[in-house]
Amino acid sequence: MRKLLRHWTVRVVAVYASLFVVSVLTLLGFVYGVTIGLIDRQLNDTIVTEISSLSDGYREHGLNGLIDQINERIAADRVGSGIYLLTDGDFTRVAGNLPAWPSDAEREGRWATFRIPQAGTEEEPQTLDAARARAMSFLLTEGYHLLVGRTLVERASFEKLIFQALLWAMAAAAFLALVGGVVMGRDMRRRLEGINRTTRHIILGDLQQRVPVSGSGDEFDGLAKNLNAMLTQIDQLMRAGREVTDNIAHDLRSPLTRLKTRLEVTLMSHDPPQMQGALEKTVSELDNVLHTFNAILSISQAEAGAGRQEMTDLDLADLVADIADLYQAVAEDKAIALSIERSQPTRLRGNRHLLFQALANLVDNAIKYSPSGGRVTLAVAPQGDGGSVVVADTGPGIPTEERAHVLHRFVRLEQSRTTPGNGLGLSLVSAVAGLHNGSLILGDNHPGLRAELILGLPAQDTASKSVAGA
């Protein structure tokens, strides 16, 4: 039995059947209670009416008139459901269809419930019939006792009918619940099997498999959609990981090959100045390789949230001013006007090192791709709970269809191939924005590129003041 109950389908069927049966029994029990109560009230009202009528007849016509009324009513009662008994002060029978005053009556004030006694003879002693009756007693003047009631045969028949209906209803409910539970359990088991089948394929390495969706819009469809979205995200991450690996291998193969060749040539050379120049180029090439690895590491740390523990409250306007001072000389060497167009105090919480690196990448790209005589403008302002920095240049810009693509690692547009770089700058900026609950939005500057870095983490002291002010 325990082994059987371990199956989820069996438990569902059992719970479904139990709830169905309990619901039917509750409904029939309610119907039974209401109907029996109605029958009892009607029975009591009928008895009270008859006693009142007989009492009035006794007052008007005396004892003989009451006896005549009782006999007339007994004769008119073809069903035999009426109970009438008139006795003297000693409870000796005077008239009625009961042989004697009932001795086993269960009294409730003037009301009594009892079995109907039968008249006994010498050949056939008195017995007690199975039929029961409910009656009301009334004390008349001159000490006479009047008992008027009705048999409970109809009530007993209805109780029997209800009991039989309960049995049939229980059987029908159990059968329907069993069928419904089996059907529902089979459907759930089929859909769960679809999920299990998909997960088995995924375990074997097939990440293209997806959980089937029935289209009903129920909870299983919601679960299937969430699982499919998760699988899509995992597949994209796996693809991105493979692409990064391929890109690293591709981008590092050339400089490593040049390093190896240069070192081999240097070993064969006996000219100190030539060896000095070769070693300097080798060191420069290694710096580029280390810069690439450091950029990859920074991106991974930002995407993993590793920089959150180093976040402090800072003013974004001060950070932008430092960036402008750092790149002012670089811009002047290329005859590019670098200026801060708008600067407002913008307090937020952030990782200063990563934010500085991200903003430096944006400004460096803007200067790098702007032509001589061009212009690069910076703007910083509060936005929502955080702030935003806009870096706008007058360079060639980025085509709309490529803007989402350039945020990936090692992506470089065709016009960028002739300039130094590794295709990691915008990817790092996007990762840093995500770390700060923000985003990087690329747009047109007409001409040029407009890069807006939105950051969404408020400073702790600002948040405290907001809460205190509320």
Protein backbone atom coordinates (compact mmCIF):
# COMPACT_ATOMS: atom_id res chain seq x y z
CA MET A 1 0.00 0.00 0.00
CA ARG A 2 2.82 2.40 0.87
CA LYS A 3 4.51 1.57 -2.41
CA LEU A 4 1.29 2.33 -4.26
CA LEU A 5 0.84 5.66 -2.49
CA ARG A 6 4.30 6.76 -3.58
CA HIS A 7 2.95 7.22 -7.09
CA TRP A 8 1.84 10.81 -7.60
CA THR A 9 -1.05 9.77 -9.88
CA VAL A 10 -2.48 7.43 -7.21
CA ARG A 11 -2.33 10.20 -4.60
CA VAL A 12 -4.07 12.63 -6.96
CA VAL A 13 -6.84 10.11 -7.68
CA ALA A 14 -7.29 9.38 -3.95
CA VAL A 15 -7.48 13.06 -2.99
CA TYR A 16 -9.78 13.86 -5.92
CA ALA A 17 -12.11 10.94 -5.05
CA SER A 18 -12.18 11.84 -1.35
CA LEU A 19 -13.04 15.47 -2.03
CA PHE A 20 -15.74 14.46 -4.53
CA VAL A 21 -17.34 11.96 -2.14
CA VAL A 22 -17.21 14.36 0.82
CA SER A 23 -18.80 17.10 -1.32
CA VAL A 24 -21.67 14.84 -2.40
CA LEU A 25 -22.24 13.57 1.14
CA THR A 26 -22.27 17.13 2.47
CA LEU A 27 -24.81 18.19 -0.12
CA LEU A 28 -27.10 15.21 0.52
CA GLY A 29 -26.74 15.67 4.28
CA PHE A 30 -27.84 19.26 3.91
CA VAL A 31 -30.84 18.22 1.77
CA TYR A 32 -31.72 15.54 4.34
CA GLY A 33 -31.55 17.94 7.28
CA VAL A 34 -33.62 20.62 5.57
CA THR A 35 -36.26 18.14 4.34
CA ILE A 36 -36.61 16.29 7.67
CA GLY A 37 -36.93 19.60 9.47
CA LEU A 38 -39.66 20.68 7.06
CA ILE A 39 -41.54 17.38 7.50
CA ASP A 40 -41.35 17.63 11.31
CA ARG A 41 -42.63 21.22 11.29
CA GLN A 42 -45.54 20.33 9.01
CA LEU A 43 -46.35 17.30 11.19
CA ASN A 44 -46.33 19.37 14.38
CA ASP A 45 -48.50 22.07 12.80
CA THR A 46 -51.03 19.45 11.67
CA ILE A 47 -51.21 17.89 15.15
CA VAL A 48 -51.62 21.28 16.87
CA THR A 49 -54.41 22.20 14.45
CA GLU A 50 -56.26 18.93 15.08
CA ILE A 51 -56.01 19.27 18.87
CA SER A 52 -57.35 22.81 18.68
CA SER A 53 -60.25 21.66 16.51
CA LEU A 54 -61.10 18.73 18.83
CA SER A 55 -60.81 20.93 21.91
CA ASP A 56 -63.23 23.41 20.41
CA GLY A 57 -65.65 20.56 19.62
CA TYR A 58 -65.43 19.30 23.17
CA ARG A 59 -66.28 22.72 24.56
CA GLU A 60 -69.24 23.10 22.20
CA HIS A 61 -70.71 19.56 22.14
CA GLY A 62 -69.36 17.93 25.27
CA LEU A 63 -67.85 14.47 25.70
CA ASN A 64 -70.21 12.66 23.31
CA GLY A 65 -69.60 15.21 20.60
CA LEU A 66 -65.82 14.77 21.02
CA ILE A 67 -66.17 10.99 20.77
CA ASP A 68 -68.20 11.37 17.57
CA GLN A 69 -65.56 13.68 16.10
CA ILE A 70 -62.77 11.22 16.93
CA ASN A 71 -64.69 8.30 15.35
CA GLU A 72 -65.43 10.37 12.23
CA ARG A 73 -61.81 11.27 11.78
CA ILE A 74 -60.65 7.68 12.27
CA ALA A 75 -63.20 6.52 9.69
CA ALA A 76 -62.13 9.21 7.21
CA ASP A 77 -58.43 8.38 7.60
CA ARG A 78 -58.01 5.78 4.83
CA VAL A 79 -54.22 5.80 5.09
CA GLY A 80 -54.29 5.17 8.82
CA SER A 81 -51.71 7.78 9.67
CA GLY A 82 -53.79 9.56 12.33
CA ILE A 83 -53.42 8.72 16.04
CA TYR A 84 -56.37 9.48 18.35
CA LEU A 85 -56.91 8.43 21.97
CA LEU A 86 -59.37 9.73 24.61
CA THR A 87 -59.01 8.43 28.17
CA ASP A 88 -60.54 9.23 31.55
CA GLY A 89 -58.60 10.47 34.52
CA ASP A 90 -57.24 6.95 35.17
CA PHE A 91 -56.03 6.67 31.54
CA THR A 92 -58.70 4.12 30.73
CA ARG A 93 -59.53 4.11 27.04
CA VAL A 94 -62.79 5.88 26.14
CA ALA A 95 -62.38 6.30 22.35
CA GLY A 96 -59.68 6.24 19.67
CA ASN A 97 -57.60 3.86 17.57
CA LEU A 98 -55.00 3.09 20.25
CA PRO A 99 -55.71 0.22 22.67
CA ALA A 100 -54.08 2.03 25.61
CA TRP A 101 -52.10 5.04 26.59
CA PRO A 102 -48.51 4.46 25.38
CA SER A 103 -46.19 3.52 28.21
CA ASP A 104 -42.85 3.91 26.37
CA ALA A 105 -43.38 7.50 25.26
CA GLU A 106 -40.29 9.72 25.05
CA ARG A 107 -41.73 12.92 26.42
CA GLU A 108 -40.70 16.48 25.48
CA GLY A 109 -43.17 18.55 27.45
CA ARG A 110 -46.61 17.86 25.96
CA TRP A 111 -45.03 16.09 22.98
CA ALA A 112 -44.27 12.36 22.94
CA THR A 113 -42.68 9.89 20.51
CA PHE A 114 -43.57 6.19 20.91
CA ARG A 115 -44.13 2.86 19.18
CA ILE A 116 -47.72 2.11 18.19
CA PRO A 117 -49.06 -0.73 20.41
CA GLN A 118 -51.44 -3.30 18.90
CA ALA A 119 -54.49 -4.71 20.65
CA GLY A 120 -53.70 -8.17 22.07
CA THR A 121 -55.96 -11.23 22.39
CA GLU A 122 -55.70 -14.53 24.27
CA GLU A 123 -54.54 -16.33 21.11
CA GLU A 124 -52.19 -13.50 20.05
CA PRO A 125 -50.58 -11.54 22.84
CA GLN A 126 -49.94 -7.83 22.50
CA THR A 127 -46.85 -6.95 20.41
CA LEU A 128 -45.12 -3.75 19.48
CA ASP A 129 -45.25 -2.77 15.82
CA ALA A 130 -42.14 -1.28 14.19
CA ALA A 131 -44.09 1.88 13.30
CA ARG A 132 -43.50 4.91 15.47
CA ALA A 133 -45.71 7.90 16.09
CA ARG A 134 -45.44 11.45 17.33
CA ALA A 135 -48.31 12.89 19.34
CA MET A 136 -49.35 15.73 21.62
CA SER A 137 -51.35 15.27 24.82
CA PHE A 138 -54.02 17.68 26.06
CA LEU A 139 -55.82 17.73 29.42
CA LEU A 140 -59.56 18.39 29.05
CA THR A 141 -61.96 19.54 31.73
CA GLU A 142 -63.46 16.84 33.97
CA GLY A 143 -60.02 15.11 33.95
CA TYR A 144 -60.14 13.57 30.49
CA HIS A 145 -56.91 13.15 28.53
CA LEU A 146 -56.73 13.65 24.77
CA LEU A 147 -53.78 12.31 22.68
CA VAL A 148 -53.57 13.32 19.00
CA GLY A 149 -50.69 12.46 16.66
CA ARG A 150 -49.43 11.06 13.38
CA THR A 151 -47.47 7.98 12.49
CA LEU A 152 -43.87 8.51 11.34
CA VAL A 153 -44.16 6.01 8.48
CA GLU A 154 -43.72 8.68 5.80
CA ARG A 155 -40.79 10.14 7.66
CA ALA A 156 -39.19 6.70 8.00
CA SER A 157 -39.79 6.06 4.28
CA PHE A 158 -38.07 9.32 3.40
CA GLU A 159 -35.14 8.50 5.70
CA LYS A 160 -34.82 5.14 3.99
CA LEU A 161 -34.95 6.82 0.60
CA ILE A 162 -32.27 9.30 1.62
CA PHE A 163 -30.09 6.49 2.98
CA GLN A 164 -30.39 4.58 -0.27
CA ALA A 165 -29.66 7.76 -2.20
CA LEU A 166 -26.58 8.30 -0.06
CA LEU A 167 -25.31 4.82 -0.85
CA TRP A 168 -25.91 5.24 -4.59
CA ALA A 169 -24.47 8.74 -4.53
CA MET A 170 -21.35 7.51 -2.73
CA ALA A 171 -20.90 4.75 -5.28
CA ALA A 172 -21.50 7.11 -8.21
CA ALA A 173 -19.28 9.79 -6.72
CA ALA A 174 -16.50 7.31 -6.07
CA PHE A 175 -16.77 6.00 -9.63
CA LEU A 176 -16.85 9.48 -11.21
CA ALA A 177 -14.05 10.66 -8.96
CA LEU A 178 -12.00 7.61 -9.89
CA VAL A 179 -12.57 8.20 -13.60
CA GLY A 180 -11.92 11.96 -13.29
CA GLY A 181 -8.83 11.39 -11.17
CA VAL A 182 -7.44 8.82 -13.61
CA VAL A 183 -8.05 11.14 -16.58
CA MET A 184 -6.53 14.13 -14.79
CA GLY A 185 -3.65 12.04 -13.48
CA ARG A 186 -2.91 10.66 -16.95
CA ASP A 187 -2.88 14.18 -18.39
CA MET A 188 -0.55 15.45 -15.67
CA ARG A 189 1.65 12.38 -15.99
CA ARG A 190 1.82 12.86 -19.78
CA ARG A 191 2.89 16.49 -19.41
CA LEU A 192 5.40 15.68 -16.67
CA GLU A 193 6.79 12.93 -18.86
CA GLY A 194 7.28 15.55 -21.59
CA ILE A 195 9.36 17.62 -19.17
CA ASN A 196 11.34 14.57 -18.03
CA ARG A 197 11.96 13.50 -21.63
CA THR A 198 13.30 16.97 -22.47
CA THR A 199 15.57 17.02 -19.42
CA ARG A 200 16.97 13.58 -20.35
CA HIS A 201 17.92 14.89 -23.81
CA ILE A 202 19.50 17.96 -22.23
CA ILE A 203 21.49 15.79 -19.81
CA LEU A 204 22.86 13.99 -22.85
CA GLY A 205 24.03 17.34 -24.26
CA ASP A 206 21.23 18.34 -26.63
CA LEU A 207 20.57 21.93 -25.52
CA GLN A 208 18.28 22.55 -28.50
CA GLN A 209 15.48 20.51 -26.92
CA ARG A 210 12.54 22.44 -25.46
CA VAL A 211 9.67 21.47 -23.15
CA PRO A 212 6.42 21.07 -25.13
CA VAL A 213 3.74 23.73 -24.53
CA SER A 214 0.09 22.62 -24.89
CA GLY A 215 -1.27 26.12 -25.46
CA SER A 216 -3.85 25.85 -22.67
CA GLY A 217 -2.24 28.66 -20.70
CA ASP A 218 -2.33 26.74 -17.41
CA GLU A 219 0.35 26.39 -14.74
CA PHE A 220 2.13 23.63 -16.67
CA ASP A 221 2.38 25.90 -19.70
CA GLY A 222 3.78 28.64 -17.46
CA LEU A 223 6.35 26.19 -16.07
CA ALA A 224 7.22 25.00 -19.58
CA LYS A 225 7.71 28.58 -20.82
CA ASN A 226 9.95 29.43 -17.86
CA LEU A 227 12.00 26.28 -18.38
CA ASN A 228 12.31 27.02 -22.10
CA ALA A 229 13.39 30.59 -21.37
CA MET A 230 15.97 29.24 -18.92
CA LEU A 231 17.22 26.72 -21.50
CA THR A 232 17.46 29.46 -24.13
CA GLN A 233 19.48 31.60 -21.72
CA ILE A 234 21.77 28.66 -20.88
CA ASP A 235 22.22 27.91 -24.58
CA GLN A 236 23.08 31.55 -25.28
CA LEU A 237 25.58 31.57 -22.42
CA MET A 238 27.15 28.38 -23.70
CA ARG A 239 27.36 29.82 -27.21
CA ALA A 240 28.78 33.06 -25.81
CA GLY A 241 31.37 31.06 -23.87
CA ARG A 242 32.39 29.16 -27.01
CA GLU A 243 32.51 32.39 -29.00
CA VAL A 244 34.68 34.06 -26.34
CA THR A 245 37.01 31.08 -26.34
CA ASP A 246 37.23 31.13 -30.13
CA ASN A 247 37.74 34.90 -30.18
CA ILE A 248 40.44 34.74 -27.52
CA ALA A 249 42.24 32.03 -29.45
CA HIS A 250 41.89 33.98 -32.70
CA ASP A 251 42.86 37.39 -31.30
CA LEU A 252 45.80 36.12 -29.26
CA ARG A 253 47.20 33.76 -31.87
CA SER A 254 48.56 36.60 -34.02
CA PRO A 255 50.34 38.58 -31.26
CA LEU A 256 51.71 35.40 -29.70
CA THR A 257 52.98 34.27 -33.08
CA ARG A 258 54.63 37.66 -33.61
CA LEU A 259 56.19 37.45 -30.15
CA LYS A 260 57.58 34.01 -30.84
CA THR A 261 58.99 35.09 -34.22
CA ARG A 262 60.48 38.29 -32.82
CA LEU A 263 62.14 36.42 -29.96
CA GLU A 264 63.56 33.81 -32.32
CA VAL A 265 64.99 36.55 -34.58
CA THR A 266 66.39 38.36 -31.54
CA LEU A 267 68.14 35.19 -30.37
CA MET A 268 69.82 34.91 -33.75
CA SER A 269 70.89 38.58 -33.75
CA HIS A 270 74.15 39.80 -32.23
CA ASP A 271 73.39 43.52 -32.59
CA PRO A 272 72.60 44.99 -29.11
CA PRO A 273 70.55 47.95 -30.41
CA GLN A 274 68.46 45.61 -32.56
CA MET A 275 67.97 43.27 -29.60
CA GLN A 276 66.96 46.24 -27.42
CA GLY A 277 64.33 47.36 -29.94
CA ALA A 278 62.97 43.82 -30.35
CA LEU A 279 62.63 43.39 -26.58
CA GLU A 280 60.84 46.73 -26.28
CA LYS A 281 58.34 45.68 -28.98
CA THR A 282 57.92 42.33 -27.20
CA VAL A 283 57.13 44.06 -23.92
CA SER A 284 54.63 46.32 -25.71
CA GLU A 285 52.98 43.31 -27.33
CA LEU A 286 52.77 41.53 -23.97
CA ASP A 287 51.18 44.65 -22.47
CA ASN A 288 48.46 44.44 -25.13
CA VAL A 289 47.90 40.75 -24.33
CA LEU A 290 47.69 41.49 -20.60
CA HIS A 291 45.35 44.39 -21.30
CA THR A 292 43.06 42.00 -23.20
CA PHE A 293 43.07 39.48 -20.35
CA ASN A 294 42.46 42.22 -17.77
CA ALA A 295 39.50 43.50 -19.80
CA ILE A 296 38.04 39.99 -19.99
CA LEU A 297 38.54 39.57 -16.24
CA SER A 298 36.87 42.92 -15.51
CA ILE A 299 33.89 42.01 -17.70
CA SER A 300 33.49 38.62 -16.00
CA GLN A 301 33.73 40.16 -12.53
CA ALA A 302 31.16 42.83 -13.40
CA GLU A 303 28.75 40.28 -14.88
CA ALA A 304 29.18 38.06 -11.81
CA GLY A 305 28.54 40.98 -9.43
CA ALA A 306 31.98 40.68 -7.85
CA GLY A 307 32.42 44.45 -7.63
CA ARG A 308 29.43 45.14 -5.37
CA GLN A 309 31.35 44.74 -2.14
CA GLU A 310 33.65 47.61 -3.19
CA MET A 311 30.81 50.06 -3.87
CA THR A 312 30.82 53.40 -2.07
CA ASP A 313 28.81 56.60 -2.26
CA LEU A 314 30.29 58.92 -4.88
CA ASP A 315 29.50 61.98 -7.01
CA LEU A 316 29.29 61.06 -10.66
CA ALA A 317 30.01 64.67 -11.67
CA ASP A 318 33.43 64.52 -9.95
CA LEU A 319 34.23 61.27 -11.73
CA VAL A 320 33.34 62.77 -15.13
CA ALA A 321 35.50 65.82 -14.38
CA ASP A 322 38.47 63.55 -13.62
CA ILE A 323 37.95 61.69 -16.90
CA ALA A 324 37.81 64.98 -18.82
CA ASP A 325 41.08 66.16 -17.20
CA LEU A 326 42.75 62.83 -18.01
CA TYR A 327 41.83 62.87 -21.71
CA GLN A 328 42.12 66.64 -22.34
CA ALA A 329 45.70 66.35 -23.56
CA VAL A 330 44.90 63.34 -25.78
CA ALA A 331 42.03 65.27 -27.38
CA GLU A 332 44.21 68.34 -27.96
CA ASP A 333 46.88 66.24 -29.69
CA LYS A 334 44.22 65.18 -32.19
CA ALA A 335 42.71 68.67 -32.46
CA ILE A 336 39.43 67.53 -30.89
CA ALA A 337 37.43 69.78 -28.60
CA LEU A 338 36.66 67.88 -25.39
CA SER A 339 34.24 69.64 -23.06
CA ILE A 340 31.68 69.03 -20.31
CA GLU A 341 28.42 70.36 -21.66
CA ARG A 342 26.34 69.88 -18.52
CA SER A 343 27.35 68.79 -15.04
CA GLN A 344 25.00 68.49 -12.07
CA PRO A 345 25.83 66.96 -8.67
CA THR A 346 24.77 63.32 -8.98
CA ARG A 347 25.11 61.20 -5.87
CA LEU A 348 24.87 57.45 -6.27
CA ARG A 349 26.40 54.22 -5.05
CA GLY A 350 28.97 52.56 -7.28
CA ASN A 351 32.32 50.90 -7.79
CA ARG A 352 34.60 53.86 -8.54
CA HIS A 353 37.30 51.80 -10.25
CA LEU A 354 34.91 50.05 -12.65
CA LEU A 355 32.92 53.23 -13.37
CA PHE A 356 36.15 55.10 -14.12
CA GLN A 357 37.23 52.30 -16.47
CA ALA A 358 33.86 52.25 -18.23
CA LEU A 359 33.72 56.04 -18.71
CA ALA A 360 37.34 56.06 -19.85
CA ASN A 361 36.47 53.48 -22.52
CA LEU A 362 33.58 55.64 -23.79
CA VAL A 363 35.68 58.82 -23.93
CA ASP A 364 38.65 56.99 -25.44
CA ASN A 365 36.43 55.52 -28.20
CA ALA A 366 34.84 58.93 -28.84
CA ILE A 367 38.25 60.58 -29.30
CA LYS A 368 39.64 57.65 -31.27
CA TYR A 369 36.86 57.61 -33.89
CA SER A 370 36.23 61.38 -34.15
CA PRO A 371 38.06 63.08 -37.04
CA SER A 372 40.56 65.88 -36.48
CA GLY A 373 38.71 69.08 -35.70
CA GLY A 374 35.79 67.12 -34.27
CA ARG A 375 34.07 67.53 -30.95
CA VAL A 376 33.41 65.28 -27.91
CA THR A 377 30.97 66.46 -25.24
CA LEU A 378 30.20 65.02 -21.82
CA ALA A 379 27.04 65.53 -19.77
CA VAL A 380 26.09 64.20 -16.33
CA ALA A 381 22.78 64.60 -14.52
CA PRO A 382 20.61 62.80 -11.94
CA GLN A 383 18.06 60.37 -13.34
CA GLY A 384 15.53 58.61 -11.14
CA ASP A 385 17.29 57.10 -8.13
CA GLY A 386 20.68 57.22 -9.87
CA GLY A 387 22.21 59.20 -12.68
CA SER A 388 23.29 59.18 -16.32
CA VAL A 389 26.38 60.16 -18.29
CA VAL A 390 26.19 61.03 -21.99
CA VAL A 391 29.30 60.87 -24.20
CA ALA A 392 28.65 62.31 -27.68
CA ASP A 393 31.13 62.52 -30.57
CA THR A 394 31.18 63.57 -34.24
CA GLY A 395 32.64 60.35 -35.62
CA PRO A 396 31.12 57.81 -38.04
CA GLY A 397 28.76 56.38 -35.41
CA ILE A 398 27.43 52.82 -35.29
CA PRO A 399 24.68 51.55 -37.64
CA THR A 400 21.38 50.87 -35.89
CA GLU A 401 21.40 47.17 -36.79
CA GLU A 402 24.87 46.72 -35.24
CA ARG A 403 24.30 48.48 -31.91
CA ALA A 404 23.17 45.43 -29.99
CA HIS A 405 25.89 43.29 -31.57
CA VAL A 406 28.80 45.58 -30.63
CA LEU A 407 28.04 45.08 -26.93
CA HIS A 408 29.26 41.48 -27.23
CA ARG A 409 32.85 40.55 -26.55
CA PHE A 410 35.50 40.82 -29.28
CA VAL A 411 33.11 42.48 -31.73
CA ARG A 412 34.71 45.11 -34.01
CA LEU A 413 33.06 46.79 -36.96
CA GLU A 414 34.78 46.78 -40.34
CA GLN A 415 35.73 50.48 -40.16
CA SER A 416 37.41 49.81 -36.77
CA ARG A 417 39.81 47.16 -38.01
CA THR A 418 42.54 49.72 -38.80
CA THR A 419 42.51 51.23 -35.29
CA PRO A 420 44.07 49.65 -32.22
CA GLY A 421 41.71 47.77 -29.92
CA ASN A 422 40.42 44.36 -28.90
CA GLY A 423 36.62 44.74 -29.19
CA LEU A 424 36.06 44.59 -25.43
CA GLY A 425 35.46 48.26 -24.57
CA LEU A 426 31.71 48.53 -25.07
CA SER A 427 31.22 45.02 -23.66
CA LEU A 428 32.92 46.17 -20.45
CA VAL A 429 30.79 49.35 -20.29
CA SER A 430 27.61 47.29 -20.69
CA ALA A 431 28.70 44.86 -17.94
CA VAL A 432 29.51 47.73 -15.55
CA ALA A 433 26.11 49.31 -16.27
CA GLY A 434 24.41 45.99 -15.45
CA LEU A 435 26.34 45.78 -12.19
CA HIS A 436 24.89 49.17 -11.23
CA ASN A 437 21.30 48.23 -12.19
CA GLY A 438 21.64 50.31 -15.33
CA SER A 439 22.16 50.02 -19.06
CA LEU A 440 24.14 51.39 -22.00
CA ILE A 441 22.06 53.05 -24.73
CA LEU A 442 23.63 53.79 -28.11
CA GLY A 443 21.99 56.39 -30.35
CA ASP A 444 22.61 58.93 -33.10
CA ASN A 445 24.31 62.26 -32.48
CA HIS A 446 23.81 63.58 -36.06
CA PRO A 447 26.60 63.14 -36.89
CA GLY A 448 28.38 60.67 -34.65
CA LEU A 449 27.52 58.39 -31.78
CA ARG A 450 25.64 59.27 -28.61
CA ALA A 451 26.40 56.80 -25.79
CA GLU A 452 24.32 57.16 -22.63
CA LEU A 453 25.38 55.25 -19.51
CA ILE A 454 22.41 54.97 -17.12
CA LEU A 455 23.12 53.95 -13.51
CA GLY A 456 20.35 53.00 -11.10
CA LEU A 457 21.81 52.59 -7.61
CA PRO A 458 21.01 55.53 -5.26
CA ALA A 459 23.50 56.66 -2.66
CA GLN A 460 22.83 55.29 0.83
CA ASP A 461 22.74 58.72 2.48
CA THR A 462 20.32 59.96 -0.22
CA ALA A 463 18.07 56.94 0.32
CA SER A 464 18.16 57.52 4.08
CA LYS A 465 17.12 61.14 3.66
CA SER A 466 14.29 60.10 1.36
CA VAL A 467 12.99 57.61 3.89
CA ALA A 468 13.35 60.10 6.75
CA GLY A 469 11.59 62.80 4.75
CA ALA A 470 8.72 60.42 3.95
